[in-house]
Amino acid sequence: MTPTSALSAAAAGTTTDNPVLRVPPAAPADAAAHFAASLAFHTDVADVAGALAAGGEPGFVLVDSRSIEAWDQGHIPGAVHLPTARIPHEAPALLDPAVPVVVHCWGPGCNGATRAALALAGLGYRVKEMLGGMEYWIREGFAYETAAGSERQPADPLAAPVAAGDCGC
């Protein structure tokens, strides 16, 4: 099969030997709806860092849903500490329901932020999950606070551009 005929077969929805195209891509309108919905539920570390660094009110409150031990190990400056188990009891005193919430936990291998986002949404908050969590905050070279003060590690070249201000996405 030539590259042109493979593309034609994939576009027509026929089976190919290509594992990427065995299930054909969604129709453009379906894909647009899916990706718009994804962006309504998620943000990323670089966008949160940019919004916080811009000065003034970022338009959201950043909530760290990790344990006190994890918070003490390091946390994002300006974040509100609200462990998931305490959300039902403490969110009303700490968070304004009119202000969107961005929640994070450890990293992509942890679904703690998803559980925290679910708990907050169940209480009526508009919420997004910060993809990458604390792990990628640190890996992308952003400052964080510990009991010893402010710290920052160099950007991991496999996670963030080292020489540029942002990834351009």
N, C-alpha and C. Protein backbone atom coordinates (compact mmCIF):
# COMPACT_ATOMS: atom_id res chain seq x y z
N MET A 1 0.86 -1.17 0.00
CA MET A 1 0.00 0.00 0.00
C MET A 1 0.90 1.23 0.00
N THR A 2 0.66 2.15 -0.92
CA THR A 2 1.44 3.38 -0.98
C THR A 2 1.00 4.33 0.13
N PRO A 3 1.84 5.31 0.47
CA PRO A 3 1.42 6.27 1.50
C PRO A 3 0.11 6.97 1.16
N THR A 4 -0.09 7.30 -0.11
CA THR A 4 -1.33 7.97 -0.50
C THR A 4 -2.52 7.05 -0.34
N SER A 5 -2.38 5.77 -0.74
CA SER A 5 -3.51 4.85 -0.61
C SER A 5 -3.77 4.53 0.86
N ALA A 6 -2.70 4.51 1.70
CA ALA A 6 -2.90 4.27 3.14
C ALA A 6 -3.69 5.41 3.75
N LEU A 7 -3.35 6.64 3.36
CA LEU A 7 -4.10 7.79 3.88
C LEU A 7 -5.53 7.77 3.40
N SER A 8 -5.72 7.40 2.14
CA SER A 8 -7.07 7.31 1.60
C SER A 8 -7.87 6.23 2.32
N ALA A 9 -7.23 5.08 2.59
CA ALA A 9 -7.91 4.00 3.30
C ALA A 9 -8.27 4.43 4.72
N ALA A 10 -7.35 5.13 5.38
CA ALA A 10 -7.63 5.59 6.74
C ALA A 10 -8.75 6.62 6.74
N ALA A 11 -8.72 7.51 5.77
CA ALA A 11 -9.77 8.53 5.68
C ALA A 11 -11.12 7.90 5.41
N ALA A 12 -11.11 6.81 4.68
CA ALA A 12 -12.37 6.13 4.38
C ALA A 12 -12.82 5.24 5.52
N GLY A 13 -11.97 5.10 6.55
CA GLY A 13 -12.37 4.29 7.71
C GLY A 13 -12.11 2.81 7.54
N THR A 14 -11.29 2.43 6.57
CA THR A 14 -11.01 1.02 6.37
C THR A 14 -9.86 0.59 7.27
N THR A 15 -9.77 -0.69 7.54
CA THR A 15 -8.72 -1.22 8.39
C THR A 15 -7.39 -1.14 7.67
N THR A 16 -6.36 -0.78 8.43
CA THR A 16 -5.01 -0.75 7.88
C THR A 16 -4.11 -1.56 8.79
N ASP A 17 -2.89 -1.77 8.36
CA ASP A 17 -1.90 -2.44 9.19
C ASP A 17 -1.27 -1.47 10.18
N ASN A 18 -1.59 -0.20 10.08
CA ASN A 18 -1.04 0.82 10.95
C ASN A 18 -1.82 0.85 12.27
N PRO A 19 -1.18 0.54 13.41
CA PRO A 19 -1.91 0.51 14.68
C PRO A 19 -2.46 1.88 15.09
N VAL A 20 -1.86 2.94 14.61
CA VAL A 20 -2.36 4.28 14.93
C VAL A 20 -3.71 4.52 14.27
N LEU A 21 -3.89 3.96 13.08
CA LEU A 21 -5.10 4.25 12.30
C LEU A 21 -6.11 3.11 12.27
N ARG A 22 -5.87 2.04 13.05
CA ARG A 22 -6.86 0.95 13.09
C ARG A 22 -8.22 1.48 13.53
N VAL A 23 -8.19 2.37 14.49
CA VAL A 23 -9.39 3.13 14.85
C VAL A 23 -9.18 4.50 14.25
N PRO A 24 -10.00 4.87 13.29
CA PRO A 24 -9.76 6.14 12.60
C PRO A 24 -9.93 7.34 13.53
N PRO A 25 -9.26 8.45 13.22
CA PRO A 25 -9.43 9.66 14.00
C PRO A 25 -10.90 10.11 13.98
N ALA A 26 -11.28 10.81 15.03
CA ALA A 26 -12.64 11.31 15.13
C ALA A 26 -12.90 12.36 14.05
N ALA A 27 -14.15 12.55 13.75
CA ALA A 27 -14.54 13.61 12.83
C ALA A 27 -14.09 14.94 13.42
N PRO A 28 -13.73 15.92 12.59
CA PRO A 28 -13.23 17.20 13.10
C PRO A 28 -14.16 17.86 14.13
N ALA A 29 -15.45 17.85 13.91
CA ALA A 29 -16.36 18.48 14.88
C ALA A 29 -16.33 17.73 16.21
N ASP A 30 -16.26 16.40 16.17
CA ASP A 30 -16.18 15.62 17.41
C ASP A 30 -14.86 15.87 18.12
N ALA A 31 -13.78 15.95 17.35
CA ALA A 31 -12.46 16.22 17.94
C ALA A 31 -12.44 17.61 18.57
N ALA A 32 -13.01 18.59 17.89
CA ALA A 32 -13.05 19.95 18.45
C ALA A 32 -13.83 19.98 19.76
N ALA A 33 -14.95 19.30 19.82
CA ALA A 33 -15.74 19.26 21.05
C ALA A 33 -14.97 18.56 22.17
N HIS A 34 -14.29 17.47 21.86
CA HIS A 34 -13.51 16.73 22.86
C HIS A 34 -12.38 17.60 23.42
N PHE A 35 -11.61 18.23 22.54
CA PHE A 35 -10.46 19.01 23.00
C PHE A 35 -10.89 20.28 23.71
N ALA A 36 -11.99 20.88 23.30
CA ALA A 36 -12.52 22.05 24.02
C ALA A 36 -12.94 21.63 25.43
N ALA A 37 -13.58 20.48 25.54
CA ALA A 37 -13.99 19.98 26.85
C ALA A 37 -12.76 19.68 27.71
N SER A 38 -11.73 19.10 27.13
CA SER A 38 -10.51 18.81 27.88
C SER A 38 -9.90 20.09 28.45
N LEU A 39 -9.85 21.14 27.65
CA LEU A 39 -9.30 22.41 28.12
C LEU A 39 -10.17 23.07 29.17
N ALA A 40 -11.45 22.76 29.20
CA ALA A 40 -12.34 23.28 30.24
C ALA A 40 -12.06 22.62 31.59
N PHE A 41 -11.47 21.42 31.57
CA PHE A 41 -11.20 20.66 32.78
C PHE A 41 -9.75 20.70 33.23
N HIS A 42 -8.84 21.05 32.32
CA HIS A 42 -7.41 20.97 32.61
C HIS A 42 -6.67 22.24 32.23
N THR A 43 -5.60 22.48 32.95
CA THR A 43 -4.62 23.50 32.59
C THR A 43 -3.25 22.87 32.83
N ASP A 44 -2.19 23.59 32.51
CA ASP A 44 -0.88 22.99 32.74
C ASP A 44 -0.02 23.90 33.61
N VAL A 45 1.09 23.35 34.04
CA VAL A 45 2.01 24.03 34.94
C VAL A 45 2.48 25.35 34.36
N ALA A 46 2.88 25.36 33.10
CA ALA A 46 3.41 26.59 32.50
C ALA A 46 2.36 27.69 32.47
N ASP A 47 1.12 27.34 32.15
CA ASP A 47 0.07 28.37 32.12
C ASP A 47 -0.23 28.90 33.51
N VAL A 48 -0.24 28.02 34.52
CA VAL A 48 -0.46 28.47 35.90
C VAL A 48 0.69 29.37 36.33
N ALA A 49 1.92 28.95 36.07
CA ALA A 49 3.08 29.76 36.44
C ALA A 49 3.03 31.13 35.76
N GLY A 50 2.66 31.15 34.49
CA GLY A 50 2.56 32.41 33.76
C GLY A 50 1.51 33.33 34.34
N ALA A 51 0.36 32.78 34.70
CA ALA A 51 -0.72 33.58 35.27
C ALA A 51 -0.33 34.12 36.64
N LEU A 52 0.35 33.31 37.45
CA LEU A 52 0.78 33.76 38.77
C LEU A 52 1.88 34.81 38.67
N ALA A 53 2.76 34.66 37.69
CA ALA A 53 3.88 35.60 37.53
C ALA A 53 3.46 36.93 36.92
N ALA A 54 2.31 36.97 36.28
CA ALA A 54 1.87 38.18 35.59
C ALA A 54 1.54 39.31 36.56
N GLY A 55 1.39 38.99 37.83
CA GLY A 55 1.07 40.00 38.83
C GLY A 55 -0.42 40.24 38.89
N GLY A 56 -0.85 40.84 39.96
CA GLY A 56 -2.27 41.08 40.14
C GLY A 56 -2.99 39.78 40.45
N GLU A 57 -4.29 39.85 40.35
CA GLU A 57 -5.11 38.66 40.61
C GLU A 57 -5.11 37.76 39.37
N PRO A 58 -4.77 36.49 39.54
CA PRO A 58 -4.73 35.60 38.37
C PRO A 58 -6.12 35.17 37.89
N GLY A 59 -7.16 35.42 38.70
CA GLY A 59 -8.51 35.01 38.31
C GLY A 59 -8.89 33.63 38.80
N PHE A 60 -8.01 33.00 39.56
CA PHE A 60 -8.27 31.67 40.12
C PHE A 60 -7.49 31.56 41.42
N VAL A 61 -7.86 30.57 42.22
CA VAL A 61 -7.08 30.22 43.40
C VAL A 61 -6.47 28.85 43.16
N LEU A 62 -5.18 28.73 43.48
CA LEU A 62 -4.47 27.47 43.32
C LEU A 62 -4.55 26.69 44.62
N VAL A 63 -5.06 25.47 44.56
CA VAL A 63 -5.23 24.62 45.73
C VAL A 63 -4.31 23.41 45.62
N ASP A 64 -3.50 23.21 46.65
CA ASP A 64 -2.63 22.05 46.78
C ASP A 64 -3.36 21.04 47.65
N SER A 65 -3.71 19.91 47.08
CA SER A 65 -4.54 18.92 47.79
C SER A 65 -3.73 17.83 48.50
N ARG A 66 -2.41 18.01 48.58
CA ARG A 66 -1.55 16.99 49.19
C ARG A 66 -1.57 17.07 50.72
N SER A 67 -0.95 16.11 51.35
CA SER A 67 -0.87 16.03 52.82
C SER A 67 -0.01 17.15 53.39
N ILE A 68 -0.08 17.33 54.68
CA ILE A 68 0.75 18.34 55.36
C ILE A 68 2.23 18.01 55.19
N GLU A 69 2.59 16.72 55.23
CA GLU A 69 3.99 16.33 55.04
C GLU A 69 4.48 16.69 53.64
N ALA A 70 3.64 16.48 52.65
CA ALA A 70 4.00 16.82 51.28
C ALA A 70 4.11 18.34 51.13
N TRP A 71 3.15 19.07 51.70
CA TRP A 71 3.17 20.54 51.67
C TRP A 71 4.47 21.07 52.28
N ASP A 72 4.85 20.51 53.43
CA ASP A 72 6.07 20.95 54.10
C ASP A 72 7.31 20.64 53.28
N GLN A 73 7.26 19.58 52.51
CA GLN A 73 8.39 19.19 51.66
C GLN A 73 8.62 20.23 50.56
N GLY A 74 7.57 20.89 50.14
CA GLY A 74 7.67 21.93 49.13
C GLY A 74 6.31 22.23 48.54
N HIS A 75 6.02 23.51 48.33
CA HIS A 75 4.73 23.90 47.76
C HIS A 75 4.89 25.16 46.91
N ILE A 76 3.92 25.39 46.08
CA ILE A 76 3.94 26.52 45.15
C ILE A 76 3.59 27.80 45.92
N PRO A 77 4.40 28.84 45.76
CA PRO A 77 4.10 30.10 46.44
C PRO A 77 2.70 30.61 46.06
N GLY A 78 1.95 30.98 47.07
CA GLY A 78 0.61 31.52 46.85
C GLY A 78 -0.49 30.47 46.83
N ALA A 79 -0.12 29.19 46.83
CA ALA A 79 -1.14 28.14 46.84
C ALA A 79 -1.82 28.07 48.20
N VAL A 80 -3.06 27.60 48.18
CA VAL A 80 -3.81 27.34 49.40
C VAL A 80 -3.68 25.85 49.69
N HIS A 81 -3.34 25.51 50.93
CA HIS A 81 -3.22 24.10 51.29
C HIS A 81 -4.57 23.59 51.77
N LEU A 82 -5.11 22.63 51.04
CA LEU A 82 -6.41 22.05 51.39
C LEU A 82 -6.40 20.57 50.99
N PRO A 83 -5.94 19.71 51.88
CA PRO A 83 -5.92 18.28 51.57
C PRO A 83 -7.31 17.76 51.20
N THR A 84 -7.37 16.83 50.31
CA THR A 84 -8.64 16.33 49.78
C THR A 84 -9.62 15.93 50.86
N ALA A 85 -9.17 15.23 51.88
CA ALA A 85 -10.07 14.76 52.93
C ALA A 85 -10.72 15.92 53.69
N ARG A 86 -10.09 17.09 53.69
CA ARG A 86 -10.62 18.23 54.44
C ARG A 86 -11.49 19.15 53.58
N ILE A 87 -11.58 18.88 52.29
CA ILE A 87 -12.34 19.76 51.39
C ILE A 87 -13.79 19.96 51.85
N PRO A 88 -14.54 18.92 52.17
CA PRO A 88 -15.94 19.15 52.54
C PRO A 88 -16.12 20.07 53.75
N HIS A 89 -15.17 20.03 54.66
CA HIS A 89 -15.30 20.80 55.89
C HIS A 89 -14.67 22.18 55.81
N GLU A 90 -13.58 22.33 55.05
CA GLU A 90 -12.82 23.58 55.08
C GLU A 90 -12.96 24.44 53.84
N ALA A 91 -13.38 23.87 52.71
CA ALA A 91 -13.48 24.66 51.49
C ALA A 91 -14.37 25.90 51.65
N PRO A 92 -15.54 25.79 52.28
CA PRO A 92 -16.39 26.98 52.39
C PRO A 92 -15.73 28.15 53.14
N ALA A 93 -14.84 27.86 54.08
CA ALA A 93 -14.16 28.91 54.82
C ALA A 93 -12.95 29.47 54.08
N LEU A 94 -12.37 28.69 53.16
CA LEU A 94 -11.13 29.08 52.48
C LEU A 94 -11.33 29.58 51.06
N LEU A 95 -12.41 29.16 50.40
CA LEU A 95 -12.56 29.43 48.97
C LEU A 95 -13.85 30.19 48.68
N ASP A 96 -13.75 31.13 47.77
CA ASP A 96 -14.91 31.90 47.32
C ASP A 96 -15.53 31.14 46.14
N PRO A 97 -16.80 30.76 46.24
CA PRO A 97 -17.43 30.00 45.15
C PRO A 97 -17.46 30.75 43.82
N ALA A 98 -17.28 32.06 43.84
CA ALA A 98 -17.29 32.85 42.60
C ALA A 98 -15.95 32.81 41.88
N VAL A 99 -14.90 32.32 42.54
CA VAL A 99 -13.55 32.30 41.95
C VAL A 99 -13.20 30.89 41.53
N PRO A 100 -12.84 30.69 40.26
CA PRO A 100 -12.45 29.34 39.82
C PRO A 100 -11.26 28.81 40.63
N VAL A 101 -11.21 27.50 40.76
CA VAL A 101 -10.16 26.82 41.50
C VAL A 101 -9.33 25.98 40.53
N VAL A 102 -8.02 26.04 40.70
CA VAL A 102 -7.10 25.14 40.00
C VAL A 102 -6.48 24.27 41.08
N VAL A 103 -6.61 22.98 40.93
CA VAL A 103 -6.16 22.05 41.97
C VAL A 103 -5.01 21.20 41.44
N HIS A 104 -4.06 20.90 42.34
CA HIS A 104 -2.97 20.00 41.95
C HIS A 104 -2.60 19.09 43.11
N CYS A 105 -1.91 18.02 42.75
CA CYS A 105 -1.40 17.06 43.73
C CYS A 105 0.06 16.82 43.36
N TRP A 106 0.55 15.58 43.52
CA TRP A 106 1.97 15.30 43.27
C TRP A 106 2.35 15.37 41.80
N GLY A 107 1.71 14.60 40.94
CA GLY A 107 2.15 14.55 39.55
C GLY A 107 1.26 13.67 38.71
N PRO A 108 1.71 13.39 37.50
CA PRO A 108 0.87 12.64 36.56
C PRO A 108 0.60 11.20 36.98
N GLY A 109 1.38 10.66 37.90
CA GLY A 109 1.14 9.30 38.37
C GLY A 109 0.19 9.24 39.55
N CYS A 110 -0.40 10.39 39.89
CA CYS A 110 -1.26 10.49 41.07
C CYS A 110 -2.61 11.04 40.64
N ASN A 111 -3.69 10.45 41.13
CA ASN A 111 -5.01 10.98 40.78
C ASN A 111 -5.62 11.77 41.94
N GLY A 112 -4.78 12.19 42.88
CA GLY A 112 -5.26 12.99 44.00
C GLY A 112 -5.91 14.29 43.58
N ALA A 113 -5.35 14.95 42.58
CA ALA A 113 -5.95 16.19 42.10
C ALA A 113 -7.32 15.94 41.47
N THR A 114 -7.47 14.82 40.83
CA THR A 114 -8.76 14.47 40.24
C THR A 114 -9.80 14.26 41.34
N ARG A 115 -9.41 13.56 42.40
CA ARG A 115 -10.33 13.36 43.53
C ARG A 115 -10.68 14.70 44.20
N ALA A 116 -9.69 15.56 44.35
CA ALA A 116 -9.94 16.87 44.95
C ALA A 116 -10.85 17.71 44.05
N ALA A 117 -10.61 17.66 42.75
CA ALA A 117 -11.46 18.41 41.81
C ALA A 117 -12.90 17.91 41.87
N LEU A 118 -13.07 16.61 41.96
CA LEU A 118 -14.41 16.04 42.08
C LEU A 118 -15.09 16.53 43.36
N ALA A 119 -14.37 16.51 44.46
CA ALA A 119 -14.95 16.98 45.73
C ALA A 119 -15.34 18.45 45.65
N LEU A 120 -14.48 19.27 45.06
CA LEU A 120 -14.79 20.70 44.92
C LEU A 120 -15.96 20.94 43.99
N ALA A 121 -15.98 20.24 42.86
CA ALA A 121 -17.10 20.39 41.92
C ALA A 121 -18.41 19.99 42.59
N GLY A 122 -18.37 18.94 43.41
CA GLY A 122 -19.55 18.50 44.13
C GLY A 122 -20.07 19.53 45.11
N LEU A 123 -19.20 20.43 45.54
CA LEU A 123 -19.60 21.51 46.44
C LEU A 123 -20.00 22.78 45.68
N GLY A 124 -19.94 22.71 44.35
CA GLY A 124 -20.39 23.84 43.54
C GLY A 124 -19.29 24.75 43.02
N TYR A 125 -18.02 24.37 43.19
CA TYR A 125 -16.92 25.19 42.69
C TYR A 125 -16.63 24.88 41.24
N ARG A 126 -16.26 25.90 40.48
CA ARG A 126 -15.75 25.70 39.12
C ARG A 126 -14.27 25.36 39.27
N VAL A 127 -13.87 24.24 38.70
CA VAL A 127 -12.53 23.73 39.00
C VAL A 127 -11.84 23.18 37.76
N LYS A 128 -10.52 23.38 37.73
CA LYS A 128 -9.66 22.77 36.72
C LYS A 128 -8.55 22.02 37.45
N GLU A 129 -8.04 21.00 36.80
CA GLU A 129 -6.92 20.24 37.33
C GLU A 129 -5.64 20.70 36.64
N MET A 130 -4.59 20.96 37.42
CA MET A 130 -3.30 21.34 36.84
C MET A 130 -2.53 20.07 36.49
N LEU A 131 -2.40 19.80 35.20
CA LEU A 131 -1.69 18.61 34.74
C LEU A 131 -0.21 18.70 35.12
N GLY A 132 0.34 17.60 35.55
CA GLY A 132 1.75 17.54 35.91
C GLY A 132 2.01 17.72 37.39
N GLY A 133 1.13 18.46 38.07
CA GLY A 133 1.23 18.64 39.50
C GLY A 133 2.56 19.21 39.97
N MET A 134 2.85 18.97 41.22
CA MET A 134 4.07 19.49 41.84
C MET A 134 5.31 18.96 41.15
N GLU A 135 5.26 17.72 40.70
CA GLU A 135 6.43 17.14 40.02
C GLU A 135 6.84 18.00 38.83
N TYR A 136 5.90 18.34 37.97
CA TYR A 136 6.26 19.09 36.78
C TYR A 136 6.48 20.57 37.09
N TRP A 137 5.91 21.08 38.16
CA TRP A 137 6.23 22.44 38.59
C TRP A 137 7.74 22.53 38.85
N ILE A 138 8.24 21.55 39.59
CA ILE A 138 9.66 21.53 39.92
C ILE A 138 10.49 21.18 38.68
N ARG A 139 10.07 20.19 37.91
CA ARG A 139 10.83 19.77 36.72
C ARG A 139 10.92 20.87 35.67
N GLU A 140 9.92 21.75 35.62
CA GLU A 140 9.96 22.84 34.64
C GLU A 140 10.72 24.06 35.17
N GLY A 141 11.28 23.95 36.38
CA GLY A 141 12.17 24.97 36.89
C GLY A 141 11.51 26.13 37.61
N PHE A 142 10.27 25.98 38.05
CA PHE A 142 9.60 27.06 38.76
C PHE A 142 9.93 27.00 40.25
N ALA A 143 9.92 28.16 40.90
CA ALA A 143 10.27 28.25 42.32
C ALA A 143 9.19 27.60 43.17
N TYR A 144 9.62 27.07 44.30
CA TYR A 144 8.70 26.51 45.29
C TYR A 144 9.24 26.83 46.68
N GLU A 145 8.38 26.74 47.67
CA GLU A 145 8.75 27.09 49.03
C GLU A 145 8.86 25.84 49.90
N THR A 146 9.85 25.87 50.79
CA THR A 146 10.00 24.84 51.80
C THR A 146 10.19 25.54 53.15
N ALA A 147 10.33 24.77 54.21
CA ALA A 147 10.59 25.36 55.52
C ALA A 147 11.90 26.15 55.52
N ALA A 148 12.82 25.78 54.64
CA ALA A 148 14.12 26.45 54.55
C ALA A 148 14.08 27.71 53.70
N GLY A 149 12.97 27.96 53.02
CA GLY A 149 12.86 29.14 52.15
C GLY A 149 12.52 28.77 50.72
N SER A 150 12.75 29.71 49.84
CA SER A 150 12.42 29.50 48.43
C SER A 150 13.52 28.68 47.75
N GLU A 151 13.10 27.74 46.92
CA GLU A 151 14.04 26.90 46.17
C GLU A 151 13.62 26.85 44.71
N ARG A 152 14.56 26.52 43.87
CA ARG A 152 14.30 26.35 42.44
C ARG A 152 15.36 25.43 41.89
N GLN A 153 14.94 24.48 41.07
CA GLN A 153 15.87 23.58 40.41
C GLN A 153 15.94 23.96 38.94
N PRO A 154 17.04 23.66 38.29
CA PRO A 154 17.11 23.94 36.85
C PRO A 154 16.04 23.15 36.10
N ALA A 155 15.55 23.71 35.02
CA ALA A 155 14.55 23.02 34.21
C ALA A 155 15.13 21.72 33.67
N ASP A 156 14.33 20.68 33.71
CA ASP A 156 14.69 19.38 33.15
C ASP A 156 14.54 19.50 31.63
N PRO A 157 15.60 19.29 30.86
CA PRO A 157 15.48 19.47 29.41
C PRO A 157 14.52 18.48 28.74
N LEU A 158 14.11 17.44 29.45
CA LEU A 158 13.15 16.50 28.89
C LEU A 158 11.71 16.93 29.21
N ALA A 159 11.55 17.96 30.06
CA ALA A 159 10.22 18.40 30.46
C ALA A 159 9.91 19.84 30.08
N ALA A 160 10.96 20.63 29.84
CA ALA A 160 10.75 22.05 29.56
C ALA A 160 11.91 22.59 28.75
N PRO A 161 11.67 23.63 27.97
CA PRO A 161 12.79 24.23 27.23
C PRO A 161 13.75 24.90 28.21
N VAL A 162 15.02 24.66 28.02
CA VAL A 162 16.02 25.20 28.93
C VAL A 162 16.39 26.63 28.54
N ALA A 163 16.49 26.91 27.26
CA ALA A 163 16.96 28.22 26.80
C ALA A 163 15.83 29.21 26.50
N ALA A 164 14.63 28.73 26.34
CA ALA A 164 13.51 29.61 25.96
C ALA A 164 12.64 29.89 27.18
N GLY A 165 11.89 30.99 27.11
CA GLY A 165 11.00 31.33 28.20
C GLY A 165 9.81 30.41 28.30
N ASP A 166 9.38 29.85 27.18
CA ASP A 166 8.27 28.90 27.19
C ASP A 166 8.41 27.94 26.02
N CYS A 167 7.55 26.96 25.99
CA CYS A 167 7.68 25.91 24.96
C CYS A 167 7.06 26.31 23.62
N GLY A 168 6.34 27.42 23.60
CA GLY A 168 5.76 27.87 22.35
C GLY A 168 4.43 27.22 22.02
N CYS A 169 3.91 26.42 22.94
CA CYS A 169 2.63 25.77 22.66
C CYS A 169 1.56 26.60 23.27
